Amino acid sequence: MSLSSSTSRIQLQVTHVQSREEVKVCDCVVLVKQRTCWKITNPGRHFWNCQNSMTRLKKCSFFEWKDEEQAEGYYKNLLYSLKQKLDAKEDLSEMNNFRRRIVEVEFLLS
């Protein structure tokens, strides 16, 4: 039984290593993180940057695009506007959840 669990653990490790086709390391020797840009100029475009780039601990300027830039036009604008609409719906849903929590807390306090 312990043999099968160690075998499956080894398989998971091998699978994990094989799934990393592109392993990149930044200037501060940290594995980079793949992110998605949602600015109007590059909506949906993937890039890599340092995991520490958004922390106070370390400022690292590593940045590299993963995919090609989309051509200007209808689909690029559509992708950006759909993302904006999705964000607005998520904000509305979050606001409704907060309102519901406030009502629950007010009920408990009364």
PDB file of N, CA and C in Angstrom:
ATOM      1  N   MET A   1       0.825  -1.191   0.000  1.00  0.00           N
ATOM      2  CA  MET A   1       0.000   0.000   0.000  1.00  0.00           C
ATOM      3  C   MET A   1       0.864   1.248   0.000  1.00  0.00           C
ATOM      4  N   SER A   2       1.906   1.247   0.803  1.00  0.00           N
ATOM      5  CA  SER A   2       2.789   2.405   0.794  1.00  0.00           C
ATOM      6  C   SER A   2       3.540   2.510  -0.522  1.00  0.00           C
ATOM      7  N   LEU A   3       3.748   1.368  -1.177  1.00  0.00           N
ATOM      8  CA  LEU A   3       4.420   1.383  -2.473  1.00  0.00           C
ATOM      9  C   LEU A   3       3.579   2.123  -3.501  1.00  0.00           C
ATOM     10  N   SER A   4       2.263   1.873  -3.515  1.00  0.00           N
ATOM     11  CA  SER A   4       1.409   2.543  -4.496  1.00  0.00           C
ATOM     12  C   SER A   4       1.310   4.039  -4.223  1.00  0.00           C
ATOM     13  N   SER A   5       1.278   4.429  -2.946  1.00  0.00           N
ATOM     14  CA  SER A   5       1.197   5.863  -2.658  1.00  0.00           C
ATOM     15  C   SER A   5       2.479   6.576  -3.051  1.00  0.00           C
ATOM     16  N   SER A   6       3.630   5.928  -2.838  1.00  0.00           N
ATOM     17  CA  SER A   6       4.872   6.570  -3.254  1.00  0.00           C
ATOM     18  C   SER A   6       4.975   6.599  -4.771  1.00  0.00           C
ATOM     19  N   THR A   7       4.445   5.556  -5.432  1.00  0.00           N
ATOM     20  CA  THR A   7       4.449   5.539  -6.891  1.00  0.00           C
ATOM     21  C   THR A   7       3.577   6.663  -7.430  1.00  0.00           C
ATOM     22  N   SER A   8       2.394   6.845  -6.856  1.00  0.00           N
ATOM     23  CA  SER A   8       1.523   7.918  -7.341  1.00  0.00           C
ATOM     24  C   SER A   8       2.138   9.286  -7.065  1.00  0.00           C
ATOM     25  N   ARG A   9       2.858   9.423  -5.950  1.00  0.00           N
ATOM     26  CA  ARG A   9       3.514  10.686  -5.649  1.00  0.00           C
ATOM     27  C   ARG A   9       4.570  10.987  -6.705  1.00  0.00           C
ATOM     28  N   ILE A  10       5.314   9.990  -7.096  1.00  0.00           N
ATOM     29  CA  ILE A  10       6.332  10.173  -8.133  1.00  0.00           C
ATOM     30  C   ILE A  10       5.674  10.558  -9.449  1.00  0.00           C
ATOM     31  N   GLN A  11       4.567   9.921  -9.780  1.00  0.00           N
ATOM     32  CA  GLN A  11       3.866  10.247 -11.022  1.00  0.00           C
ATOM     33  C   GLN A  11       3.377  11.691 -11.002  1.00  0.00           C
ATOM     34  N   LEU A  12       2.876  12.132  -9.861  1.00  0.00           N
ATOM     35  CA  LEU A  12       2.421  13.516  -9.765  1.00  0.00           C
ATOM     36  C   LEU A  12       3.576  14.488  -9.969  1.00  0.00           C
ATOM     37  N   GLN A  13       4.707  14.179  -9.389  1.00  0.00           N
ATOM     38  CA  GLN A  13       5.864  15.048  -9.547  1.00  0.00           C
ATOM     39  C   GLN A  13       6.299  15.097 -11.003  1.00  0.00           C
ATOM     40  N   VAL A  14       6.322  13.964 -11.665  1.00  0.00           N
ATOM     41  CA  VAL A  14       6.732  13.924 -13.069  1.00  0.00           C
ATOM     42  C   VAL A  14       5.732  14.688 -13.924  1.00  0.00           C
ATOM     43  N   THR A  15       4.448  14.478 -13.664  1.00  0.00           N
ATOM     44  CA  THR A  15       3.416  15.190 -14.410  1.00  0.00           C
ATOM     45  C   THR A  15       3.555  16.690 -14.210  1.00  0.00           C
ATOM     46  N   HIS A  16       3.826  17.086 -12.979  1.00  0.00           N
ATOM     47  CA  HIS A  16       3.972  18.515 -12.673  1.00  0.00           C
ATOM     48  C   HIS A  16       5.148  19.116 -13.445  1.00  0.00           C
ATOM     49  N   VAL A  17       6.236  18.406 -13.496  1.00  0.00           N
ATOM     50  CA  VAL A  17       7.409  18.904 -14.214  1.00  0.00           C
ATOM     51  C   VAL A  17       7.129  18.953 -15.707  1.00  0.00           C
ATOM     52  N   GLN A  18       6.462  17.944 -16.231  1.00  0.00           N
ATOM     53  CA  GLN A  18       6.174  17.912 -17.657  1.00  0.00           C
ATOM     54  C   GLN A  18       5.194  19.004 -18.070  1.00  0.00           C
ATOM     55  N   SER A  19       4.317  19.416 -17.162  1.00  0.00           N
ATOM     56  CA  SER A  19       3.330  20.428 -17.519  1.00  0.00           C
ATOM     57  C   SER A  19       3.941  21.823 -17.634  1.00  0.00           C
ATOM     58  N   ARG A  20       5.137  21.999 -17.121  1.00  0.00           N
ATOM     59  CA  ARG A  20       5.798  23.309 -17.210  1.00  0.00           C
ATOM     60  C   ARG A  20       6.627  23.369 -18.487  1.00  0.00           C
ATOM     61  N   GLU A  21       5.976  23.749 -19.566  1.00  0.00           N
ATOM     62  CA  GLU A  21       6.681  23.832 -20.840  1.00  0.00           C
ATOM     63  C   GLU A  21       7.661  24.997 -20.840  1.00  0.00           C
ATOM     64  N   GLU A  22       7.219  26.113 -20.309  1.00  0.00           N
ATOM     65  CA  GLU A  22       8.043  27.310 -20.335  1.00  0.00           C
ATOM     66  C   GLU A  22       8.316  27.757 -18.904  1.00  0.00           C
ATOM     67  N   VAL A  23       9.472  27.411 -18.392  1.00  0.00           N
ATOM     68  CA  VAL A  23       9.858  27.841 -17.054  1.00  0.00           C
ATOM     69  C   VAL A  23      10.785  29.030 -17.220  1.00  0.00           C
ATOM     70  N   LYS A  24      10.385  30.157 -16.675  1.00  0.00           N
ATOM     71  CA  LYS A  24      11.180  31.377 -16.796  1.00  0.00           C
ATOM     72  C   LYS A  24      11.537  31.874 -15.405  1.00  0.00           C
ATOM     73  N   VAL A  25      12.708  32.446 -15.312  1.00  0.00           N
ATOM     74  CA  VAL A  25      13.191  33.007 -14.054  1.00  0.00           C
ATOM     75  C   VAL A  25      13.541  34.465 -14.304  1.00  0.00           C
ATOM     76  N   CYS A  26      13.170  35.330 -13.362  1.00  0.00           N
ATOM     77  CA  CYS A  26      13.447  36.760 -13.521  1.00  0.00           C
ATOM     78  C   CYS A  26      14.854  37.104 -13.053  1.00  0.00           C
ATOM     79  N   ASP A  27      15.152  38.385 -13.047  1.00  0.00           N
ATOM     80  CA  ASP A  27      16.479  38.871 -12.659  1.00  0.00           C
ATOM     81  C   ASP A  27      16.804  38.611 -11.190  1.00  0.00           C
ATOM     82  N   CYS A  28      15.782  38.517 -10.337  1.00  0.00           N
ATOM     83  CA  CYS A  28      16.046  38.252  -8.917  1.00  0.00           C
ATOM     84  C   CYS A  28      15.917  36.760  -8.590  1.00  0.00           C
ATOM     85  N   VAL A  29      16.010  35.929  -9.602  1.00  0.00           N
ATOM     86  CA  VAL A  29      16.051  34.465  -9.504  1.00  0.00           C
ATOM     87  C   VAL A  29      14.804  33.899  -8.814  1.00  0.00           C
ATOM     88  N   VAL A  30      13.655  34.355  -9.249  1.00  0.00           N
ATOM     89  CA  VAL A  30      12.368  33.853  -8.780  1.00  0.00           C
ATOM     90  C   VAL A  30      11.607  33.392 -10.010  1.00  0.00           C
ATOM     91  N   LEU A  31      10.834  32.312  -9.881  1.00  0.00           N
ATOM     92  CA  LEU A  31      10.007  31.898 -11.007  1.00  0.00           C
ATOM     93  C   LEU A  31       9.025  33.019 -11.332  1.00  0.00           C
ATOM     94  N   VAL A  32       8.915  33.338 -12.608  1.00  0.00           N
ATOM     95  CA  VAL A  32       8.008  34.414 -12.998  1.00  0.00           C
ATOM     96  C   VAL A  32       6.578  33.902 -13.005  1.00  0.00           C
ATOM     97  N   LYS A  33       5.640  34.814 -12.971  1.00  0.00           N
ATOM     98  CA  LYS A  33       4.226  34.480 -12.947  1.00  0.00           C
ATOM     99  C   LYS A  33       3.588  34.936 -14.246  1.00  0.00           C
ATOM    100  N   GLN A  34       2.762  34.068 -14.821  1.00  0.00           N
ATOM    101  CA  GLN A  34       2.039  34.462 -16.027  1.00  0.00           C
ATOM    102  C   GLN A  34       0.804  35.241 -15.608  1.00  0.00           C
ATOM    103  N   ARG A  35       0.594  36.372 -16.243  1.00  0.00           N
ATOM    104  CA  ARG A  35      -0.548  37.226 -15.941  1.00  0.00           C
ATOM    105  C   ARG A  35      -1.247  37.600 -17.243  1.00  0.00           C
ATOM    106  N   THR A  36      -2.410  38.217 -17.113  1.00  0.00           N
ATOM    107  CA  THR A  36      -3.172  38.667 -18.274  1.00  0.00           C
ATOM    108  C   THR A  36      -3.379  40.163 -18.173  1.00  0.00           C
ATOM    109  N   CYS A  37      -3.064  40.855 -19.245  1.00  0.00           N
ATOM    110  CA  CYS A  37      -3.234  42.303 -19.303  1.00  0.00           C
ATOM    111  C   CYS A  37      -4.684  42.627 -19.659  1.00  0.00           C
ATOM    112  N   TRP A  38      -5.271  43.600 -18.970  1.00  0.00           N
ATOM    113  CA  TRP A  38      -6.624  44.032 -19.301  1.00  0.00           C
ATOM    114  C   TRP A  38      -6.681  45.529 -19.568  1.00  0.00           C
ATOM    115  N   LYS A  39      -5.555  46.120 -19.927  1.00  0.00           N
ATOM    116  CA  LYS A  39      -5.566  47.524 -20.330  1.00  0.00           C
ATOM    117  C   LYS A  39      -6.185  47.620 -21.718  1.00  0.00           C
ATOM    118  N   ILE A  40      -6.674  48.792 -22.051  1.00  0.00           N
ATOM    119  CA  ILE A  40      -7.342  48.971 -23.343  1.00  0.00           C
ATOM    120  C   ILE A  40      -6.395  48.709 -24.516  1.00  0.00           C
ATOM    121  N   THR A  41      -5.104  48.901 -24.309  1.00  0.00           N
ATOM    122  CA  THR A  41      -4.141  48.712 -25.397  1.00  0.00           C
ATOM    123  C   THR A  41      -3.822  47.248 -25.673  1.00  0.00           C
ATOM    124  N   ASN A  42      -3.968  46.360 -24.680  1.00  0.00           N
ATOM    125  CA  ASN A  42      -3.625  44.941 -24.851  1.00  0.00           C
ATOM    126  C   ASN A  42      -4.585  44.011 -24.105  1.00  0.00           C
ATOM    127  N   PRO A  43      -5.888  44.117 -24.330  1.00  0.00           N
ATOM    128  CA  PRO A  43      -6.817  43.291 -23.557  1.00  0.00           C
ATOM    129  C   PRO A  43      -6.640  41.804 -23.860  1.00  0.00           C
ATOM    130  N   GLY A  44      -6.538  41.010 -22.791  1.00  0.00           N
ATOM    131  CA  GLY A  44      -6.439  39.567 -22.951  1.00  0.00           C
ATOM    132  C   GLY A  44      -5.059  39.051 -23.317  1.00  0.00           C
ATOM    133  N   ARG A  45      -4.104  39.931 -23.427  1.00  0.00           N
ATOM    134  CA  ARG A  45      -2.753  39.515 -23.827  1.00  0.00           C
ATOM    135  C   ARG A  45      -1.979  39.019 -22.607  1.00  0.00           C
ATOM    136  N   HIS A  46      -1.307  37.876 -22.772  1.00  0.00           N
ATOM    137  CA  HIS A  46      -0.578  37.258 -21.665  1.00  0.00           C
ATOM    138  C   HIS A  46       0.860  37.746 -21.603  1.00  0.00           C
ATOM    139  N   PHE A  47       1.364  37.843 -20.373  1.00  0.00           N
ATOM    140  CA  PHE A  47       2.755  38.249 -20.175  1.00  0.00           C
ATOM    141  C   PHE A  47       3.305  37.589 -18.921  1.00  0.00           C
ATOM    142  N   TRP A  48       4.616  37.638 -18.783  1.00  0.00           N
ATOM    143  CA  TRP A  48       5.283  37.150 -17.585  1.00  0.00           C
ATOM    144  C   TRP A  48       5.878  38.338 -16.857  1.00  0.00           C
ATOM    145  N   ASN A  49       5.832  38.284 -15.530  1.00  0.00           N
ATOM    146  CA  ASN A  49       6.605  39.230 -14.736  1.00  0.00           C
ATOM    147  C   ASN A  49       6.942  38.605 -13.391  1.00  0.00           C
ATOM    148  N   CYS A  50       7.838  39.236 -12.677  1.00  0.00           N
ATOM    149  CA  CYS A  50       8.327  38.715 -11.401  1.00  0.00           C
ATOM    150  C   CYS A  50       7.195  38.663 -10.384  1.00  0.00           C
ATOM    151  N   GLN A  51       7.171  37.611  -9.589  1.00  0.00           N
ATOM    152  CA  GLN A  51       6.168  37.506  -8.529  1.00  0.00           C
ATOM    153  C   GLN A  51       6.336  38.611  -7.500  1.00  0.00           C
ATOM    154  N   ASN A  52       7.545  39.143  -7.379  1.00  0.00           N
ATOM    155  CA  ASN A  52       7.816  40.204  -6.407  1.00  0.00           C
ATOM    156  C   ASN A  52       7.522  41.597  -6.948  1.00  0.00           C
ATOM    157  N   SER A  53       7.116  41.697  -8.195  1.00  0.00           N
ATOM    158  CA  SER A  53       6.946  43.017  -8.802  1.00  0.00           C
ATOM    159  C   SER A  53       5.835  43.827  -8.155  1.00  0.00           C
ATOM    160  N   MET A  54       4.905  43.163  -7.509  1.00  0.00           N
ATOM    161  CA  MET A  54       3.781  43.874  -6.908  1.00  0.00           C
ATOM    162  C   MET A  54       3.839  43.845  -5.386  1.00  0.00           C
ATOM    163  N   THR A  55       5.017  43.632  -4.840  1.00  0.00           N
ATOM    164  CA  THR A  55       5.170  43.629  -3.387  1.00  0.00           C
ATOM    165  C   THR A  55       6.102  44.755  -2.968  1.00  0.00           C
ATOM    166  N   ARG A  56       6.087  45.054  -1.702  1.00  0.00           N
ATOM    167  CA  ARG A  56       6.988  46.082  -1.176  1.00  0.00           C
ATOM    168  C   ARG A  56       8.369  45.518  -0.892  1.00  0.00           C
ATOM    169  N   LEU A  57       8.451  44.197  -0.816  1.00  0.00           N
ATOM    170  CA  LEU A  57       9.713  43.571  -0.440  1.00  0.00           C
ATOM    171  C   LEU A  57      10.812  43.796  -1.466  1.00  0.00           C
ATOM    172  N   LYS A  58      10.460  43.668  -2.713  1.00  0.00           N
ATOM    173  CA  LYS A  58      11.488  43.738  -3.736  1.00  0.00           C
ATOM    174  C   LYS A  58      10.892  44.350  -5.002  1.00  0.00           C
ATOM    175  N   LYS A  59      11.612  45.209  -5.593  1.00  0.00           N
ATOM    176  CA  LYS A  59      11.179  45.793  -6.862  1.00  0.00           C
ATOM    177  C   LYS A  59      11.972  45.120  -7.974  1.00  0.00           C
ATOM    178  N   CYS A  60      11.275  44.418  -8.822  1.00  0.00           N
ATOM    179  CA  CYS A  60      11.918  43.743  -9.947  1.00  0.00           C
ATOM    180  C   CYS A  60      11.212  44.204 -11.212  1.00  0.00           C
ATOM    181  N   SER A  61      11.950  44.526 -12.214  1.00  0.00           N
ATOM    182  CA  SER A  61      11.355  45.075 -13.429  1.00  0.00           C
ATOM    183  C   SER A  61      11.239  44.048 -14.554  1.00  0.00           C
ATOM    184  N   PHE A  62      11.382  42.748 -14.242  1.00  0.00           N
ATOM    185  CA  PHE A  62      11.291  41.738 -15.296  1.00  0.00           C
ATOM    186  C   PHE A  62       9.898  41.754 -15.909  1.00  0.00           C
ATOM    187  N   PHE A  63       9.849  41.816 -17.238  1.00  0.00           N
ATOM    188  CA  PHE A  63       8.589  41.821 -17.974  1.00  0.00           C
ATOM    189  C   PHE A  63       8.846  41.262 -19.360  1.00  0.00           C
ATOM    190  N   GLU A  64       7.975  40.347 -19.801  1.00  0.00           N
ATOM    191  CA  GLU A  64       8.106  39.790 -21.147  1.00  0.00           C
ATOM    192  C   GLU A  64       6.729  39.347 -21.634  1.00  0.00           C
ATOM    193  N   TRP A  65       6.374  39.759 -22.842  1.00  0.00           N
ATOM    194  CA  TRP A  65       5.112  39.325 -23.428  1.00  0.00           C
ATOM    195  C   TRP A  65       5.204  37.847 -23.774  1.00  0.00           C
ATOM    196  N   LYS A  66       4.114  37.115 -23.548  1.00  0.00           N
ATOM    197  CA  LYS A  66       4.079  35.693 -23.905  1.00  0.00           C
ATOM    198  C   LYS A  66       3.561  35.514 -25.324  1.00  0.00           C
ATOM    199  N   ASP A  67       2.573  36.283 -25.711  1.00  0.00           N
ATOM    200  CA  ASP A  67       1.969  36.114 -27.028  1.00  0.00           C
ATOM    201  C   ASP A  67       2.077  37.392 -27.856  1.00  0.00           C
ATOM    202  N   GLU A  68       1.699  37.261 -29.092  1.00  0.00           N
ATOM    203  CA  GLU A  68       1.791  38.386 -30.026  1.00  0.00           C
ATOM    204  C   GLU A  68       0.679  39.395 -29.759  1.00  0.00           C
ATOM    205  N   GLU A  69       0.954  40.632 -30.099  1.00  0.00           N
ATOM    206  CA  GLU A  69      -0.039  41.686 -29.948  1.00  0.00           C
ATOM    207  C   GLU A  69      -1.181  41.456 -30.927  1.00  0.00           C
ATOM    208  N   GLN A  70      -2.402  41.710 -30.471  1.00  0.00           N
ATOM    209  CA  GLN A  70      -3.560  41.588 -31.346  1.00  0.00           C
ATOM    210  C   GLN A  70      -3.615  42.790 -32.277  1.00  0.00           C
ATOM    211  N   ALA A  71      -4.150  42.557 -33.449  1.00  0.00           N
ATOM    212  CA  ALA A  71      -4.322  43.656 -34.394  1.00  0.00           C
ATOM    213  C   ALA A  71      -5.394  44.607 -33.868  1.00  0.00           C
ATOM    214  N   GLU A  72      -5.249  45.874 -34.185  1.00  0.00           N
ATOM    215  CA  GLU A  72      -6.255  46.859 -33.796  1.00  0.00           C
ATOM    216  C   GLU A  72      -7.565  46.498 -34.478  1.00  0.00           C
ATOM    217  N   GLY A  73      -8.659  46.792 -33.829  1.00  0.00           N
ATOM    218  CA  GLY A  73      -9.924  46.586 -34.499  1.00  0.00           C
ATOM    219  C   GLY A  73     -11.026  46.093 -33.592  1.00  0.00           C
ATOM    220  N   TYR A  74     -12.041  45.573 -34.249  1.00  0.00           N
ATOM    221  CA  TYR A  74     -13.291  45.207 -33.602  1.00  0.00           C
ATOM    222  C   TYR A  74     -13.103  44.226 -32.450  1.00  0.00           C
ATOM    223  N   TYR A  75     -12.407  43.117 -32.683  1.00  0.00           N
ATOM    224  CA  TYR A  75     -12.307  42.072 -31.666  1.00  0.00           C
ATOM    225  C   TYR A  75     -11.494  42.509 -30.451  1.00  0.00           C
ATOM    226  N   LYS A  76     -10.483  43.292 -30.672  1.00  0.00           N
ATOM    227  CA  LYS A  76      -9.696  43.814 -29.557  1.00  0.00           C
ATOM    228  C   LYS A  76     -10.564  44.717 -28.680  1.00  0.00           C
ATOM    229  N   ASN A  77     -11.334  45.592 -29.304  1.00  0.00           N
ATOM    230  CA  ASN A  77     -12.237  46.480 -28.565  1.00  0.00           C
ATOM    231  C   ASN A  77     -13.363  45.701 -27.889  1.00  0.00           C
ATOM    232  N   LEU A  78     -13.877  44.671 -28.577  1.00  0.00           N
ATOM    233  CA  LEU A  78     -14.942  43.853 -28.011  1.00  0.00           C
ATOM    234  C   LEU A  78     -14.457  43.128 -26.760  1.00  0.00           C
ATOM    235  N   LEU A  79     -13.275  42.556 -26.820  1.00  0.00           N
ATOM    236  CA  LEU A  79     -12.713  41.848 -25.674  1.00  0.00           C
ATOM    237  C   LEU A  79     -12.578  42.776 -24.471  1.00  0.00           C
ATOM    238  N   TYR A  80     -12.081  43.974 -24.708  1.00  0.00           N
ATOM    239  CA  TYR A  80     -11.924  44.942 -23.617  1.00  0.00           C
ATOM    240  C   TYR A  80     -13.281  45.333 -23.025  1.00  0.00           C
ATOM    241  N   SER A  81     -14.262  45.612 -23.875  1.00  0.00           N
ATOM    242  CA  SER A  81     -15.568  46.046 -23.363  1.00  0.00           C
ATOM    243  C   SER A  81     -16.279  44.914 -22.620  1.00  0.00           C
ATOM    244  N   LEU A  82     -16.115  43.673 -23.073  1.00  0.00           N
ATOM    245  CA  LEU A  82     -16.718  42.548 -22.362  1.00  0.00           C
ATOM    246  C   LEU A  82     -16.090  42.365 -20.981  1.00  0.00           C
ATOM    247  N   LYS A  83     -14.792  42.559 -20.886  1.00  0.00           N
ATOM    248  CA  LYS A  83     -14.115  42.468 -19.589  1.00  0.00           C
ATOM    249  C   LYS A  83     -14.618  43.564 -18.652  1.00  0.00           C
ATOM    250  N   GLN A  84     -14.808  44.771 -19.174  1.00  0.00           N
ATOM    251  CA  GLN A  84     -15.329  45.874 -18.362  1.00  0.00           C
ATOM    252  C   GLN A  84     -16.730  45.541 -17.837  1.00  0.00           C
ATOM    253  N   LYS A  85     -17.577  44.973 -18.698  1.00  0.00           N
ATOM    254  CA  LYS A  85     -18.932  44.610 -18.285  1.00  0.00           C
ATOM    255  C   LYS A  85     -18.906  43.514 -17.226  1.00  0.00           C
ATOM    256  N   LEU A  86     -18.024  42.548 -17.393  1.00  0.00           N
ATOM    257  CA  LEU A  86     -17.890  41.473 -16.412  1.00  0.00           C
ATOM    258  C   LEU A  86     -17.444  42.026 -15.063  1.00  0.00           C
ATOM    259  N   ASP A  87     -16.471  42.914 -15.073  1.00  0.00           N
ATOM    260  CA  ASP A  87     -16.004  43.536 -13.829  1.00  0.00           C
ATOM    261  C   ASP A  87     -17.127  44.309 -13.142  1.00  0.00           C
ATOM    262  N   ALA A  88     -17.942  45.014 -13.926  1.00  0.00           N
ATOM    263  CA  ALA A  88     -19.050  45.788 -13.360  1.00  0.00           C
ATOM    264  C   ALA A  88     -20.067  44.859 -12.702  1.00  0.00           C
ATOM    265  N   LYS A  89     -20.342  43.722 -13.334  1.00  0.00           N
ATOM    266  CA  LYS A  89     -21.287  42.766 -12.743  1.00  0.00           C
ATOM    267  C   LYS A  89     -20.727  42.173 -11.462  1.00  0.00           C
ATOM    268  N   GLU A  90     -19.434  41.883 -11.445  1.00  0.00           N
ATOM    269  CA  GLU A  90     -18.808  41.346 -10.236  1.00  0.00           C
ATOM    270  C   GLU A  90     -18.857  42.374  -9.114  1.00  0.00           C
ATOM    271  N   ASP A  91     -18.627  43.645  -9.443  1.00  0.00           N
ATOM    272  CA  ASP A  91     -18.702  44.708  -8.438  1.00  0.00           C
ATOM    273  C   ASP A  91     -20.113  44.814  -7.873  1.00  0.00           C
ATOM    274  N   LEU A  92     -21.118  44.724  -8.748  1.00  0.00           N
ATOM    275  CA  LEU A  92     -22.509  44.806  -8.317  1.00  0.00           C
ATOM    276  C   LEU A  92     -22.854  43.623  -7.421  1.00  0.00           C
ATOM    277  N   SER A  93     -22.409  42.440  -7.803  1.00  0.00           N
ATOM    278  CA  SER A  93     -22.660  41.247  -7.002  1.00  0.00           C
ATOM    279  C   SER A  93     -21.994  41.359  -5.634  1.00  0.00           C
ATOM    280  N   GLU A  94     -20.774  41.855  -5.605  1.00  0.00           N
ATOM    281  CA  GLU A  94     -20.053  42.034  -4.344  1.00  0.00           C
ATOM    282  C   GLU A  94     -20.762  43.060  -3.460  1.00  0.00           C
ATOM    283  N   MET A  95     -21.251  44.128  -4.077  1.00  0.00           N
ATOM    284  CA  MET A  95     -21.957  45.156  -3.329  1.00  0.00           C
ATOM    285  C   MET A  95     -23.247  44.581  -2.729  1.00  0.00           C
ATOM    286  N   ASN A  96     -23.955  43.762  -3.499  1.00  0.00           N
ATOM    287  CA  ASN A  96     -25.170  43.137  -2.983  1.00  0.00           C
ATOM    288  C   ASN A  96     -24.857  42.187  -1.830  1.00  0.00           C
ATOM    289  N   ASN A  97     -23.745  41.472  -1.923  1.00  0.00           N
ATOM    290  CA  ASN A  97     -23.335  40.591  -0.824  1.00  0.00           C
ATOM    291  C   ASN A  97     -23.042  41.389   0.437  1.00  0.00           C
ATOM    292  N   PHE A  98     -22.370  42.533   0.297  1.00  0.00           N
ATOM    293  CA  PHE A  98     -22.099  43.390   1.454  1.00  0.00           C
ATOM    294  C   PHE A  98     -23.400  43.908   2.068  1.00  0.00           C
ATOM    295  N   ARG A  99     -24.330  44.320   1.227  1.00  0.00           N
ATOM    296  CA  ARG A  99     -25.615  44.807   1.736  1.00  0.00           C
ATOM    297  C   ARG A  99     -26.337  43.708   2.513  1.00  0.00           C
ATOM    298  N   ARG A 100     -26.302  42.493   1.974  1.00  0.00           N
ATOM    299  CA  ARG A 100     -26.936  41.363   2.637  1.00  0.00           C
ATOM    300  C   ARG A 100     -26.276  41.098   3.995  1.00  0.00           C
ATOM    301  N   ARG A 101     -24.967  41.185   4.048  1.00  0.00           N
ATOM    302  CA  ARG A 101     -24.247  40.980   5.314  1.00  0.00           C
ATOM    303  C   ARG A 101     -24.589  42.066   6.331  1.00  0.00           C
ATOM    304  N   ILE A 102     -24.711  43.301   5.862  1.00  0.00           N
ATOM    305  CA  ILE A 102     -25.072  44.410   6.756  1.00  0.00           C
ATOM    306  C   ILE A 102     -26.443  44.159   7.370  1.00  0.00           C
ATOM    307  N   VAL A 103     -27.387  43.719   6.548  1.00  0.00           N
ATOM    308  CA  VAL A 103     -28.734  43.432   7.055  1.00  0.00           C
ATOM    309  C   VAL A 103     -28.677  42.312   8.086  1.00  0.00           C
ATOM    310  N   GLU A 104     -27.886  41.270   7.809  1.00  0.00           N
ATOM    311  CA  GLU A 104     -27.757  40.158   8.758  1.00  0.00           C
ATOM    312  C   GLU A 104     -27.156  40.627  10.082  1.00  0.00           C
ATOM    313  N   VAL A 105     -26.117  41.444  10.018  1.00  0.00           N
ATOM    314  CA  VAL A 105     -25.476  41.943  11.236  1.00  0.00           C
ATOM    315  C   VAL A 105     -26.429  42.853  12.006  1.00  0.00           C
ATOM    316  N   GLU A 106     -27.148  43.722  11.289  1.00  0.00           N
ATOM    317  CA  GLU A 106     -28.114  44.598  11.959  1.00  0.00           C
ATOM    318  C   GLU A 106     -29.190  43.776  12.651  1.00  0.00           C
ATOM    319  N   PHE A 107     -29.622  42.688  12.008  1.00  0.00           N
ATOM    320  CA  PHE A 107     -30.627  41.818  12.612  1.00  0.00           C
ATOM    321  C   PHE A 107     -30.078  41.168  13.882  1.00  0.00           C
ATOM    322  N   LEU A 108     -28.837  40.692  13.818  1.00  0.00           N
ATOM    323  CA  LEU A 108     -28.226  40.050  14.983  1.00  0.00           C
ATOM    324  C   LEU A 108     -28.017  41.036  16.135  1.00  0.00           C
ATOM    325  N   LEU A 109     -27.727  42.288  15.811  1.00  0.00           N
ATOM    326  CA  LEU A 109     -27.496  43.295  16.840  1.00  0.00           C
ATOM    327  C   LEU A 109     -28.782  43.821  17.461  1.00  0.00           C
ATOM    328  N   SER A 110     -29.895  43.648  16.768  1.00  0.00           N
ATOM    329  CA  SER A 110     -31.155  44.203  17.302  1.00  0.00           C
ATOM    330  C   SER A 110     -31.820  43.288  18.301  1.00  0.00           C
TER     331      SER A 110
END
